[in-house]
């Protein structure tokens, strides 16, 4: 499996935002995420870091 968990970086900490993300794409200045279970979220911010080795996506508000 190649999915990753998405976290929001806030106040020096990472908070879980969405588990098992398998689709992530930019949409009109936002980030669309969808997981294996069909749950969808749109995040208003930017990508801080993606680690393919640890299957981790870190997002940060603008």
PDB file of N, CA and C in Angstrom:
ATOM      1  N   UNK A   1       0.834  -1.174   0.000  1.00  0.00           N
ATOM      2  CA  UNK A   1       0.000   0.000   0.000  1.00  0.00           C
ATOM      3  C   UNK A   1       0.885   1.247   0.000  1.00  0.00           C
ATOM      4  N   UNK A   2       0.447   2.261  -0.717  1.00  0.00           N
ATOM      5  CA  UNK A   2       1.248   3.479  -0.850  1.00  0.00           C
ATOM      6  C   UNK A   2       0.530   4.715  -0.339  1.00  0.00           C
ATOM      7  N   UNK A   3      -0.485   4.545   0.451  1.00  0.00           N
ATOM      8  CA  UNK A   3      -1.182   5.711   0.981  1.00  0.00           C
ATOM      9  C   UNK A   3      -0.388   6.330   2.125  1.00  0.00           C
ATOM     10  N   UNK A   4      -0.765   7.555   2.475  1.00  0.00           N
ATOM     11  CA  UNK A   4      -0.060   8.287   3.530  1.00  0.00           C
ATOM     12  C   UNK A   4      -1.083   8.965   4.434  1.00  0.00           C
ATOM     13  N   UNK A   5      -0.653   9.345   5.603  1.00  0.00           N
ATOM     14  CA  UNK A   5      -1.482  10.121   6.508  1.00  0.00           C
ATOM     15  C   UNK A   5      -1.128  11.596   6.340  1.00  0.00           C
ATOM     16  N   UNK A   6      -2.150  12.451   6.372  1.00  0.00           N
ATOM     17  CA  UNK A   6      -1.938  13.892   6.241  1.00  0.00           C
ATOM     18  C   UNK A   6      -2.084  14.537   7.614  1.00  0.00           C
ATOM     19  N   UNK A   7      -1.173  15.448   7.903  1.00  0.00           N
ATOM     20  CA  UNK A   7      -1.152  16.164   9.176  1.00  0.00           C
ATOM     21  C   UNK A   7      -1.143  17.655   8.904  1.00  0.00           C
ATOM     22  N   UNK A   8      -1.690  18.432   9.842  1.00  0.00           N
ATOM     23  CA  UNK A   8      -1.607  19.884   9.777  1.00  0.00           C
ATOM     24  C   UNK A   8      -0.558  20.325  10.794  1.00  0.00           C
ATOM     25  N   UNK A   9       0.402  21.120  10.320  1.00  0.00           N
ATOM     26  CA  UNK A   9       1.435  21.667  11.195  1.00  0.00           C
ATOM     27  C   UNK A   9       0.895  22.957  11.798  1.00  0.00           C
ATOM     28  N   UNK A  10       0.768  22.973  13.133  1.00  0.00           N
ATOM     29  CA  UNK A  10       0.190  24.124  13.814  1.00  0.00           C
ATOM     30  C   UNK A  10       0.844  24.281  15.177  1.00  0.00           C
ATOM     31  N   UNK A  11       1.309  25.469  15.484  1.00  0.00           N
ATOM     32  CA  UNK A  11       1.925  25.766  16.775  1.00  0.00           C
ATOM     33  C   UNK A  11       3.062  24.804  17.126  1.00  0.00           C
ATOM     34  N   UNK A  12       3.851  24.435  16.118  1.00  0.00           N
ATOM     35  CA  UNK A  12       4.996  23.563  16.339  1.00  0.00           C
ATOM     36  C   UNK A  12       4.649  22.093  16.494  1.00  0.00           C
ATOM     37  N   UNK A  13       3.380  21.747  16.281  1.00  0.00           N
ATOM     38  CA  UNK A  13       2.941  20.352  16.423  1.00  0.00           C
ATOM     39  C   UNK A  13       2.242  19.898  15.151  1.00  0.00           C
ATOM     40  N   UNK A  14       2.164  18.588  14.972  1.00  0.00           N
ATOM     41  CA  UNK A  14       1.454  18.010  13.834  1.00  0.00           C
ATOM     42  C   UNK A  14       0.180  17.335  14.335  1.00  0.00           C
ATOM     43  N   UNK A  15      -0.956  17.763  13.773  1.00  0.00           N
ATOM     44  CA  UNK A  15      -2.244  17.185  14.141  1.00  0.00           C
ATOM     45  C   UNK A  15      -2.773  16.378  12.955  1.00  0.00           C
ATOM     46  N   UNK A  16      -3.246  15.163  13.215  1.00  0.00           N
ATOM     47  CA  UNK A  16      -3.776  14.316  12.157  1.00  0.00           C
ATOM     48  C   UNK A  16      -4.957  14.992  11.478  1.00  0.00           C
ATOM     49  N   UNK A  17      -4.944  15.018  10.155  1.00  0.00           N
ATOM     50  CA  UNK A  17      -6.001  15.657   9.364  1.00  0.00           C
ATOM     51  C   UNK A  17      -6.820  14.611   8.604  1.00  0.00           C
ATOM     52  N   UNK A  18      -6.138  13.657   7.948  1.00  0.00           N
ATOM     53  CA  UNK A  18      -6.830  12.620   7.182  1.00  0.00           C
ATOM     54  C   UNK A  18      -5.912  11.412   7.045  1.00  0.00           C
ATOM     55  N   UNK A  19      -6.450  10.238   7.366  1.00  0.00           N
ATOM     56  CA  UNK A  19      -5.674   9.003   7.268  1.00  0.00           C
ATOM     57  C   UNK A  19      -5.853   8.360   5.900  1.00  0.00           C
ATOM     58  N   UNK A  20      -4.888   7.550   5.524  1.00  0.00           N
ATOM     59  CA  UNK A  20      -4.939   6.722   4.312  1.00  0.00           C
ATOM     60  C   UNK A  20      -5.217   7.513   3.036  1.00  0.00           C
ATOM     61  N   UNK A  21      -4.550   8.649   2.879  1.00  0.00           N
ATOM     62  CA  UNK A  21      -4.709   9.483   1.691  1.00  0.00           C
ATOM     63  C   UNK A  21      -4.092   8.767   0.501  1.00  0.00           C
ATOM     64  N   UNK A  22      -4.885   8.654  -0.574  1.00  0.00           N
ATOM     65  CA  UNK A  22      -4.326   8.051  -1.785  1.00  0.00           C
ATOM     66  C   UNK A  22      -4.378   8.997  -2.979  1.00  0.00           C
ATOM     67  N   UNK A  23      -5.133  10.111  -2.865  1.00  0.00           N
ATOM     68  CA  UNK A  23      -5.169  11.120  -3.923  1.00  0.00           C
ATOM     69  C   UNK A  23      -4.974  12.491  -3.289  1.00  0.00           C
ATOM     70  N   UNK A  24      -4.067  13.251  -3.861  1.00  0.00           N
ATOM     71  CA  UNK A  24      -3.836  14.620  -3.420  1.00  0.00           C
ATOM     72  C   UNK A  24      -3.521  15.443  -4.654  1.00  0.00           C
ATOM     73  N   UNK A  25      -4.249  16.565  -4.824  1.00  0.00           N
ATOM     74  CA  UNK A  25      -3.998  17.404  -5.996  1.00  0.00           C
ATOM     75  C   UNK A  25      -4.335  18.856  -5.689  1.00  0.00           C
ATOM     76  N   UNK A  26      -3.640  19.785  -6.352  1.00  0.00           N
ATOM     77  CA  UNK A  26      -3.950  21.204  -6.175  1.00  0.00           C
ATOM     78  C   UNK A  26      -5.232  21.549  -6.932  1.00  0.00           C
ATOM     79  N   UNK A  27      -6.069  22.382  -6.325  1.00  0.00           N
ATOM     80  CA  UNK A  27      -7.309  22.837  -6.963  1.00  0.00           C
ATOM     81  C   UNK A  27      -7.565  24.287  -6.572  1.00  0.00           C
ATOM     82  N   UNK A  28      -7.375  25.204  -7.509  1.00  0.00           N
ATOM     83  CA  UNK A  28      -7.691  26.610  -7.310  1.00  0.00           C
ATOM     84  C   UNK A  28      -7.070  27.181  -6.034  1.00  0.00           C
ATOM     85  N   UNK A  29      -5.801  26.923  -5.816  1.00  0.00           N
ATOM     86  CA  UNK A  29      -5.097  27.451  -4.656  1.00  0.00           C
ATOM     87  C   UNK A  29      -5.339  26.683  -3.370  1.00  0.00           C
ATOM     88  N   UNK A  30      -6.024  25.563  -3.455  1.00  0.00           N
ATOM     89  CA  UNK A  30      -6.294  24.715  -2.294  1.00  0.00           C
ATOM     90  C   UNK A  30      -5.763  23.318  -2.589  1.00  0.00           C
ATOM     91  N   UNK A  31      -5.802  22.441  -1.585  1.00  0.00           N
ATOM     92  CA  UNK A  31      -5.323  21.073  -1.773  1.00  0.00           C
ATOM     93  C   UNK A  31      -6.469  20.113  -1.525  1.00  0.00           C
ATOM     94  N   UNK A  32      -6.808  19.321  -2.544  1.00  0.00           N
ATOM     95  CA  UNK A  32      -7.857  18.318  -2.461  1.00  0.00           C
ATOM     96  C   UNK A  32      -7.225  17.001  -2.014  1.00  0.00           C
ATOM     97  N   UNK A  33      -7.828  16.358  -1.015  1.00  0.00           N
ATOM     98  CA  UNK A  33      -7.350  15.059  -0.537  1.00  0.00           C
ATOM     99  C   UNK A  33      -8.518  14.066  -0.499  1.00  0.00           C
ATOM    100  N   UNK A  34      -8.239  12.845  -0.858  1.00  0.00           N
ATOM    101  CA  UNK A  34      -9.238  11.774  -0.799  1.00  0.00           C
ATOM    102  C   UNK A  34      -8.547  10.526  -0.279  1.00  0.00           C
ATOM    103  N   UNK A  35      -9.218   9.810   0.621  1.00  0.00           N
ATOM    104  CA  UNK A  35      -8.590   8.602   1.158  1.00  0.00           C
ATOM    105  C   UNK A  35      -9.196   7.333   0.579  1.00  0.00           C
ATOM    106  N   UNK A  36      -8.685   6.201   1.003  1.00  0.00           N
ATOM    107  CA  UNK A  36      -9.108   4.902   0.487  1.00  0.00           C
ATOM    108  C   UNK A  36     -10.586   4.611   0.726  1.00  0.00           C
ATOM    109  N   UNK A  37     -11.162   5.267   1.720  1.00  0.00           N
ATOM    110  CA  UNK A  37     -12.549   5.011   2.101  1.00  0.00           C
ATOM    111  C   UNK A  37     -13.524   5.989   1.465  1.00  0.00           C
ATOM    112  N   UNK A  38     -13.017   6.868   0.591  1.00  0.00           N
ATOM    113  CA  UNK A  38     -13.858   7.813  -0.116  1.00  0.00           C
ATOM    114  C   UNK A  38     -14.061   9.132   0.603  1.00  0.00           C
ATOM    115  N   UNK A  39     -13.485   9.292   1.790  1.00  0.00           N
ATOM    116  CA  UNK A  39     -13.607  10.558   2.511  1.00  0.00           C
ATOM    117  C   UNK A  39     -12.781  11.617   1.786  1.00  0.00           C
ATOM    118  N   UNK A  40     -13.375  12.794   1.600  1.00  0.00           N
ATOM    119  CA  UNK A  40     -12.718  13.872   0.872  1.00  0.00           C
ATOM    120  C   UNK A  40     -12.626  15.117   1.735  1.00  0.00           C
ATOM    121  N   UNK A  41     -11.511  15.827   1.600  1.00  0.00           N
ATOM    122  CA  UNK A  41     -11.322  17.091   2.311  1.00  0.00           C
ATOM    123  C   UNK A  41     -10.586  18.055   1.391  1.00  0.00           C
ATOM    124  N   UNK A  42     -10.864  19.337   1.589  1.00  0.00           N
ATOM    125  CA  UNK A  42     -10.147  20.376   0.866  1.00  0.00           C
ATOM    126  C   UNK A  42      -9.473  21.268   1.899  1.00  0.00           C
ATOM    127  N   UNK A  43      -8.157  21.362   1.791  1.00  0.00           N
ATOM    128  CA  UNK A  43      -7.357  22.119   2.754  1.00  0.00           C
ATOM    129  C   UNK A  43      -6.927  23.442   2.143  1.00  0.00           C
ATOM    130  N   UNK A  44      -7.142  24.518   2.880  1.00  0.00           N
ATOM    131  CA  UNK A  44      -6.702  25.839   2.430  1.00  0.00           C
ATOM    132  C   UNK A  44      -5.342  26.129   3.035  1.00  0.00           C
ATOM    133  N   UNK A  45      -4.309  25.892   2.276  1.00  0.00           N
ATOM    134  CA  UNK A  45      -2.950  26.097   2.742  1.00  0.00           C
ATOM    135  C   UNK A  45      -1.970  25.542   1.725  1.00  0.00           C
ATOM    136  N   UNK A  46      -0.827  25.119   2.220  1.00  0.00           N
ATOM    137  CA  UNK A  46       0.213  24.626   1.323  1.00  0.00           C
ATOM    138  C   UNK A  46       0.878  23.384   1.905  1.00  0.00           C
ATOM    139  N   UNK A  47       1.609  22.711   1.058  1.00  0.00           N
ATOM    140  CA  UNK A  47       2.344  21.520   1.478  1.00  0.00           C
ATOM    141  C   UNK A  47       3.639  21.977   2.138  1.00  0.00           C
ATOM    142  N   UNK A  48       3.859  21.536   3.360  1.00  0.00           N
ATOM    143  CA  UNK A  48       5.097  21.855   4.076  1.00  0.00           C
ATOM    144  C   UNK A  48       6.139  20.792   3.778  1.00  0.00           C
ATOM    145  N   UNK A  49       5.706  19.530   3.763  1.00  0.00           N
ATOM    146  CA  UNK A  49       6.653  18.427   3.553  1.00  0.00           C
ATOM    147  C   UNK A  49       5.887  17.156   3.168  1.00  0.00           C
ATOM    148  N   UNK A  50       6.508  16.357   2.320  1.00  0.00           N
ATOM    149  CA  UNK A  50       6.002  15.019   2.007  1.00  0.00           C
ATOM    150  C   UNK A  50       7.157  14.054   2.201  1.00  0.00           C
ATOM    151  N   UNK A  51       6.932  13.033   3.001  1.00  0.00           N
ATOM    152  CA  UNK A  51       7.937  11.990   3.194  1.00  0.00           C
ATOM    153  C   UNK A  51       7.392  10.688   2.634  1.00  0.00           C
ATOM    154  N   UNK A  52       7.956  10.240   1.540  1.00  0.00           N
ATOM    155  CA  UNK A  52       7.510   8.991   0.924  1.00  0.00           C
ATOM    156  C   UNK A  52       7.942   7.783   1.747  1.00  0.00           C
ATOM    157  N   UNK A  53       9.063   7.898   2.410  1.00  0.00           N
ATOM    158  CA  UNK A  53       9.571   6.799   3.217  1.00  0.00           C
ATOM    159  C   UNK A  53       8.675   6.508   4.417  1.00  0.00           C
ATOM    160  N   UNK A  54       8.192   7.574   5.069  1.00  0.00           N
ATOM    161  CA  UNK A  54       7.359   7.381   6.265  1.00  0.00           C
ATOM    162  C   UNK A  54       5.865   7.526   5.960  1.00  0.00           C
ATOM    163  N   UNK A  55       5.515   7.710   4.673  1.00  0.00           N
ATOM    164  CA  UNK A  55       4.111   7.823   4.251  1.00  0.00           C
ATOM    165  C   UNK A  55       3.404   8.956   4.995  1.00  0.00           C
ATOM    166  N   UNK A  56       4.009  10.128   4.959  1.00  0.00           N
ATOM    167  CA  UNK A  56       3.513  11.255   5.743  1.00  0.00           C
ATOM    168  C   UNK A  56       3.449  12.529   4.891  1.00  0.00           C
ATOM    169  N   UNK A  57       2.323  13.232   4.985  1.00  0.00           N
ATOM    170  CA  UNK A  57       2.114  14.506   4.313  1.00  0.00           C
ATOM    171  C   UNK A  57       1.897  15.556   5.404  1.00  0.00           C
ATOM    172  N   UNK A  58       2.649  16.642   5.359  1.00  0.00           N
ATOM    173  CA  UNK A  58       2.469  17.703   6.349  1.00  0.00           C
ATOM    174  C   UNK A  58       1.996  18.954   5.604  1.00  0.00           C
ATOM    175  N   UNK A  59       0.850  19.466   6.035  1.00  0.00           N
ATOM    176  CA  UNK A  59       0.235  20.648   5.446  1.00  0.00           C
ATOM    177  C   UNK A  59       0.321  21.811   6.418  1.00  0.00           C
ATOM    178  N   UNK A  60       0.322  23.037   5.886  1.00  0.00           N
ATOM    179  CA  UNK A  60       0.414  24.207   6.744  1.00  0.00           C
ATOM    180  C   UNK A  60      -0.502  25.292   6.191  1.00  0.00           C
ATOM    181  N   UNK A  61      -1.242  25.962   7.073  1.00  0.00           N
ATOM    182  CA  UNK A  61      -2.114  27.056   6.646  1.00  0.00           C
ATOM    183  C   UNK A  61      -1.271  28.214   6.169  1.00  0.00           C
ATOM    184  N   UNK A  62      -1.806  28.965   5.210  1.00  0.00           N
ATOM    185  CA  UNK A  62      -1.091  30.113   4.654  1.00  0.00           C
ATOM    186  C   UNK A  62      -1.016  31.234   5.653  1.00  0.00           C
TER     187      UNK A  62
END
